[in-house]
Amino acid sequence: MIATQIARMIAHYMIFLDLTDDDVLDPDAAVQMMEQLGSDLEALDKGFLRELIDAFAVITPEYSGEAQEVVRNIAHSFYLEEVLAADDPMRLAELEALRDARA
């Protein structure tokens, strides 16, 4: 339950940073905050990070349009599956192939 609540908070934050017009939010500041968020996410306990990644998929239908796309892509954008697979070269290779196919 807590992972879902935190996923919603992160989703709102990411939607704001990604979709706010440049004349309202300095793009460089937005990128800086996304980089900090990415670093914070990477530092999470791996078990909780797994729950959080799964929670993004659960909450994605709560959003629509561009916001839904932002939420759907949070784990992908921050390479969170790769963070979890850091000690598993086979899984990292799988994820790299999936990422290449998606591009």
N, C-alpha and C. Protein backbone atom coordinates (compact mmCIF):
# COMPACT_ATOMS: atom_id res chain seq x y z
N MET A 1 0.83 -1.20 0.00
CA MET A 1 0.00 0.00 0.00
C MET A 1 0.88 1.26 0.00
N ILE A 2 1.91 1.29 0.83
CA ILE A 2 2.76 2.48 0.89
C ILE A 2 3.45 2.72 -0.44
N ALA A 3 3.84 1.63 -1.14
CA ALA A 3 4.49 1.79 -2.44
C ALA A 3 3.55 2.47 -3.44
N THR A 4 2.29 2.13 -3.40
CA THR A 4 1.32 2.76 -4.30
C THR A 4 1.16 4.24 -3.98
N GLN A 5 1.12 4.57 -2.71
CA GLN A 5 1.00 5.97 -2.32
C GLN A 5 2.23 6.77 -2.76
N ILE A 6 3.40 6.20 -2.56
CA ILE A 6 4.63 6.89 -2.96
C ILE A 6 4.72 6.96 -4.48
N ALA A 7 4.28 5.92 -5.18
CA ALA A 7 4.26 5.94 -6.64
C ALA A 7 3.39 7.10 -7.14
N ARG A 8 2.26 7.32 -6.50
CA ARG A 8 1.39 8.45 -6.90
C ARG A 8 2.11 9.79 -6.68
N MET A 9 2.80 9.92 -5.55
CA MET A 9 3.53 11.17 -5.29
C MET A 9 4.61 11.40 -6.35
N ILE A 10 5.35 10.35 -6.67
CA ILE A 10 6.39 10.46 -7.70
C ILE A 10 5.75 10.76 -9.05
N ALA A 11 4.63 10.12 -9.34
CA ALA A 11 3.94 10.36 -10.61
C ALA A 11 3.52 11.83 -10.74
N HIS A 12 2.95 12.39 -9.70
CA HIS A 12 2.53 13.79 -9.74
C HIS A 12 3.73 14.71 -9.96
N TYR A 13 4.82 14.39 -9.29
CA TYR A 13 6.05 15.16 -9.41
C TYR A 13 6.58 15.09 -10.84
N MET A 14 6.61 13.88 -11.40
CA MET A 14 7.11 13.69 -12.76
C MET A 14 6.20 14.36 -13.80
N ILE A 15 4.91 14.27 -13.60
CA ILE A 15 3.98 14.93 -14.52
C ILE A 15 4.23 16.43 -14.50
N PHE A 16 4.40 16.99 -13.33
CA PHE A 16 4.70 18.42 -13.21
C PHE A 16 5.99 18.76 -13.94
N LEU A 17 7.06 18.02 -13.67
CA LEU A 17 8.35 18.32 -14.29
C LEU A 17 8.33 18.12 -15.80
N ASP A 18 7.64 17.09 -16.26
CA ASP A 18 7.63 16.76 -17.68
C ASP A 18 6.68 17.62 -18.51
N LEU A 19 5.55 17.97 -17.93
CA LEU A 19 4.49 18.58 -18.75
C LEU A 19 4.26 20.07 -18.50
N THR A 20 4.96 20.65 -17.56
CA THR A 20 4.80 22.08 -17.31
C THR A 20 5.52 22.87 -18.39
N ASP A 21 4.87 23.90 -18.89
CA ASP A 21 5.44 24.73 -19.95
C ASP A 21 6.76 25.36 -19.51
N ASP A 22 7.65 25.51 -20.48
CA ASP A 22 8.98 26.07 -20.21
C ASP A 22 8.92 27.50 -19.68
N ASP A 23 7.85 28.23 -20.00
CA ASP A 23 7.75 29.59 -19.50
C ASP A 23 7.30 29.63 -18.03
N VAL A 24 6.86 28.50 -17.50
CA VAL A 24 6.46 28.40 -16.10
C VAL A 24 7.56 27.75 -15.26
N LEU A 25 8.22 26.75 -15.82
CA LEU A 25 9.26 26.00 -15.11
C LEU A 25 10.51 25.96 -15.98
N ASP A 26 11.60 26.43 -15.43
CA ASP A 26 12.88 26.42 -16.14
C ASP A 26 13.26 24.98 -16.50
N PRO A 27 13.46 24.70 -17.78
CA PRO A 27 13.78 23.33 -18.20
C PRO A 27 15.04 22.77 -17.53
N ASP A 28 16.03 23.62 -17.32
CA ASP A 28 17.26 23.15 -16.66
C ASP A 28 16.99 22.74 -15.22
N ALA A 29 16.13 23.49 -14.55
CA ALA A 29 15.76 23.14 -13.17
C ALA A 29 14.99 21.82 -13.15
N ALA A 30 14.11 21.63 -14.13
CA ALA A 30 13.34 20.39 -14.21
C ALA A 30 14.26 19.20 -14.41
N VAL A 31 15.23 19.33 -15.30
CA VAL A 31 16.18 18.24 -15.54
C VAL A 31 16.99 17.95 -14.28
N GLN A 32 17.42 18.99 -13.62
CA GLN A 32 18.17 18.82 -12.37
C GLN A 32 17.36 18.06 -11.33
N MET A 33 16.09 18.39 -11.21
CA MET A 33 15.24 17.70 -10.24
C MET A 33 15.00 16.24 -10.65
N MET A 34 14.86 15.99 -11.96
CA MET A 34 14.69 14.61 -12.42
C MET A 34 15.94 13.79 -12.14
N GLU A 35 17.10 14.40 -12.34
CA GLU A 35 18.35 13.69 -12.05
C GLU A 35 18.44 13.36 -10.56
N GLN A 36 18.04 14.29 -9.71
CA GLN A 36 18.06 14.03 -8.28
C GLN A 36 17.07 12.93 -7.91
N LEU A 37 15.89 12.97 -8.51
CA LEU A 37 14.90 11.93 -8.26
C LEU A 37 15.44 10.57 -8.69
N GLY A 38 16.07 10.51 -9.84
CA GLY A 38 16.65 9.27 -10.32
C GLY A 38 17.68 8.72 -9.35
N SER A 39 18.51 9.58 -8.85
CA SER A 39 19.52 9.18 -7.87
C SER A 39 18.87 8.66 -6.60
N ASP A 40 17.84 9.35 -6.14
CA ASP A 40 17.12 8.92 -4.93
C ASP A 40 16.45 7.56 -5.14
N LEU A 41 15.88 7.36 -6.31
CA LEU A 41 15.23 6.08 -6.60
C LEU A 41 16.25 4.93 -6.63
N GLU A 42 17.39 5.18 -7.23
CA GLU A 42 18.44 4.16 -7.29
C GLU A 42 18.93 3.76 -5.91
N ALA A 43 18.85 4.67 -4.96
CA ALA A 43 19.35 4.41 -3.61
C ALA A 43 18.36 3.65 -2.73
N LEU A 44 17.14 3.45 -3.22
CA LEU A 44 16.14 2.76 -2.41
C LEU A 44 16.52 1.30 -2.18
N ASP A 45 16.03 0.76 -1.10
CA ASP A 45 16.15 -0.67 -0.82
C ASP A 45 15.57 -1.43 -2.02
N LYS A 46 16.28 -2.44 -2.48
CA LYS A 46 15.88 -3.16 -3.70
C LYS A 46 14.50 -3.80 -3.59
N GLY A 47 14.15 -4.31 -2.42
CA GLY A 47 12.82 -4.89 -2.25
C GLY A 47 11.73 -3.85 -2.40
N PHE A 48 11.94 -2.68 -1.82
CA PHE A 48 10.96 -1.62 -1.94
C PHE A 48 10.92 -1.07 -3.36
N LEU A 49 12.08 -0.98 -3.99
CA LEU A 49 12.12 -0.50 -5.37
C LEU A 49 11.29 -1.41 -6.28
N ARG A 50 11.36 -2.74 -6.05
CA ARG A 50 10.54 -3.68 -6.83
C ARG A 50 9.06 -3.37 -6.63
N GLU A 51 8.65 -3.15 -5.39
CA GLU A 51 7.25 -2.81 -5.11
C GLU A 51 6.85 -1.51 -5.80
N LEU A 52 7.74 -0.54 -5.78
CA LEU A 52 7.46 0.76 -6.38
C LEU A 52 7.31 0.63 -7.90
N ILE A 53 8.21 -0.10 -8.53
CA ILE A 53 8.11 -0.31 -9.98
C ILE A 53 6.76 -0.95 -10.32
N ASP A 54 6.38 -1.96 -9.57
CA ASP A 54 5.10 -2.62 -9.80
C ASP A 54 3.93 -1.67 -9.56
N ALA A 55 4.08 -0.78 -8.60
CA ALA A 55 3.01 0.17 -8.28
C ALA A 55 2.77 1.16 -9.41
N PHE A 56 3.82 1.53 -10.14
CA PHE A 56 3.62 2.45 -11.27
C PHE A 56 2.67 1.84 -12.30
N ALA A 57 2.80 0.54 -12.54
CA ALA A 57 1.90 -0.14 -13.49
C ALA A 57 0.47 -0.14 -12.96
N VAL A 58 0.31 -0.26 -11.66
CA VAL A 58 -1.03 -0.28 -11.05
C VAL A 58 -1.71 1.08 -11.17
N ILE A 59 -0.95 2.16 -10.98
CA ILE A 59 -1.59 3.49 -10.97
C ILE A 59 -1.70 4.13 -12.34
N THR A 60 -1.00 3.61 -13.33
CA THR A 60 -1.03 4.21 -14.67
C THR A 60 -2.45 4.45 -15.20
N PRO A 61 -3.40 3.52 -15.04
CA PRO A 61 -4.75 3.76 -15.56
C PRO A 61 -5.49 4.93 -14.88
N GLU A 62 -4.98 5.41 -13.77
CA GLU A 62 -5.61 6.54 -13.08
C GLU A 62 -5.40 7.85 -13.83
N TYR A 63 -4.51 7.85 -14.81
CA TYR A 63 -4.15 9.06 -15.55
C TYR A 63 -4.58 8.91 -17.00
N SER A 64 -4.58 10.01 -17.72
CA SER A 64 -4.96 9.94 -19.13
C SER A 64 -4.00 10.80 -19.96
N GLY A 65 -4.03 10.55 -21.26
CA GLY A 65 -3.25 11.36 -22.19
C GLY A 65 -1.76 11.33 -21.91
N GLU A 66 -1.16 12.50 -22.03
CA GLU A 66 0.28 12.62 -21.83
C GLU A 66 0.70 12.23 -20.41
N ALA A 67 -0.14 12.56 -19.44
CA ALA A 67 0.18 12.22 -18.05
C ALA A 67 0.28 10.71 -17.88
N GLN A 68 -0.61 9.98 -18.52
CA GLN A 68 -0.56 8.52 -18.43
C GLN A 68 0.73 7.98 -19.03
N GLU A 69 1.15 8.57 -20.14
CA GLU A 69 2.39 8.15 -20.78
C GLU A 69 3.60 8.42 -19.88
N VAL A 70 3.60 9.55 -19.21
CA VAL A 70 4.69 9.88 -18.28
C VAL A 70 4.76 8.83 -17.18
N VAL A 71 3.62 8.53 -16.58
CA VAL A 71 3.58 7.56 -15.47
C VAL A 71 3.98 6.17 -15.96
N ARG A 72 3.47 5.77 -17.10
CA ARG A 72 3.80 4.46 -17.67
C ARG A 72 5.31 4.29 -17.85
N ASN A 73 6.00 5.38 -18.17
CA ASN A 73 7.42 5.32 -18.51
C ASN A 73 8.37 5.65 -17.38
N ILE A 74 7.88 5.87 -16.18
CA ILE A 74 8.77 6.26 -15.09
C ILE A 74 9.88 5.22 -14.87
N ALA A 75 9.52 3.98 -14.70
CA ALA A 75 10.53 2.94 -14.44
C ALA A 75 11.51 2.85 -15.61
N HIS A 76 11.00 2.94 -16.82
CA HIS A 76 11.85 2.88 -18.02
C HIS A 76 12.78 4.09 -18.08
N SER A 77 12.23 5.27 -17.83
CA SER A 77 13.01 6.51 -17.94
C SER A 77 14.18 6.56 -16.96
N PHE A 78 13.99 5.97 -15.80
CA PHE A 78 15.02 5.99 -14.78
C PHE A 78 15.83 4.69 -14.72
N TYR A 79 15.63 3.79 -15.69
CA TYR A 79 16.38 2.53 -15.74
C TYR A 79 16.24 1.73 -14.44
N LEU A 80 15.05 1.73 -13.87
CA LEU A 80 14.87 1.10 -12.56
C LEU A 80 14.99 -0.41 -12.60
N GLU A 81 14.53 -1.04 -13.67
CA GLU A 81 14.71 -2.49 -13.79
C GLU A 81 16.20 -2.83 -13.85
N GLU A 82 16.96 -1.98 -14.54
CA GLU A 82 18.40 -2.19 -14.63
C GLU A 82 19.07 -2.04 -13.27
N VAL A 83 18.57 -1.13 -12.45
CA VAL A 83 19.09 -0.97 -11.10
C VAL A 83 18.90 -2.28 -10.33
N LEU A 84 17.73 -2.87 -10.46
CA LEU A 84 17.45 -4.13 -9.76
C LEU A 84 18.31 -5.28 -10.30
N ALA A 85 18.65 -5.22 -11.56
CA ALA A 85 19.38 -6.32 -12.20
C ALA A 85 20.90 -6.08 -12.21
N ALA A 86 21.37 -5.13 -11.47
CA ALA A 86 22.78 -4.74 -11.51
C ALA A 86 23.74 -5.91 -11.32
N ASP A 87 23.38 -6.90 -10.55
CA ASP A 87 24.25 -8.05 -10.28
C ASP A 87 23.93 -9.27 -11.15
N ASP A 88 23.10 -9.08 -12.16
CA ASP A 88 22.66 -10.19 -12.99
C ASP A 88 22.91 -9.87 -14.47
N PRO A 89 24.10 -10.24 -14.99
CA PRO A 89 24.44 -9.89 -16.37
C PRO A 89 23.45 -10.41 -17.42
N MET A 90 22.87 -11.58 -17.17
CA MET A 90 21.89 -12.12 -18.12
C MET A 90 20.65 -11.24 -18.17
N ARG A 91 20.16 -10.84 -17.01
CA ARG A 91 18.97 -9.97 -16.96
C ARG A 91 19.28 -8.61 -17.57
N LEU A 92 20.47 -8.08 -17.31
CA LEU A 92 20.86 -6.80 -17.90
C LEU A 92 20.87 -6.88 -19.43
N ALA A 93 21.36 -7.99 -19.96
CA ALA A 93 21.37 -8.17 -21.42
C ALA A 93 19.95 -8.23 -21.96
N GLU A 94 19.07 -8.92 -21.24
CA GLU A 94 17.65 -8.97 -21.63
C GLU A 94 17.04 -7.58 -21.67
N LEU A 95 17.28 -6.83 -20.61
CA LEU A 95 16.73 -5.48 -20.51
C LEU A 95 17.28 -4.57 -21.61
N GLU A 96 18.55 -4.73 -21.93
CA GLU A 96 19.14 -3.93 -22.99
C GLU A 96 18.48 -4.26 -24.33
N ALA A 97 18.24 -5.54 -24.58
CA ALA A 97 17.57 -5.95 -25.83
C ALA A 97 16.15 -5.38 -25.89
N LEU A 98 15.45 -5.42 -24.76
CA LEU A 98 14.09 -4.85 -24.72
C LEU A 98 14.12 -3.35 -24.97
N ARG A 99 15.09 -2.68 -24.37
CA ARG A 99 15.23 -1.24 -24.54
C ARG A 99 15.52 -0.92 -26.01
N ASP A 100 16.42 -1.70 -26.64
CA ASP A 100 16.76 -1.49 -28.06
C ASP A 100 15.53 -1.70 -28.95
N ALA A 101 14.75 -2.73 -28.63
CA ALA A 101 13.55 -3.02 -29.43
C ALA A 101 12.50 -1.92 -29.29
N ARG A 102 12.48 -1.29 -28.14
CA ARG A 102 11.50 -0.23 -27.89
C ARG A 102 11.86 1.06 -28.61
N ALA A 103 13.13 1.24 -28.89
CA ALA A 103 13.60 2.51 -29.52
C ALA A 103 13.29 2.62 -30.96
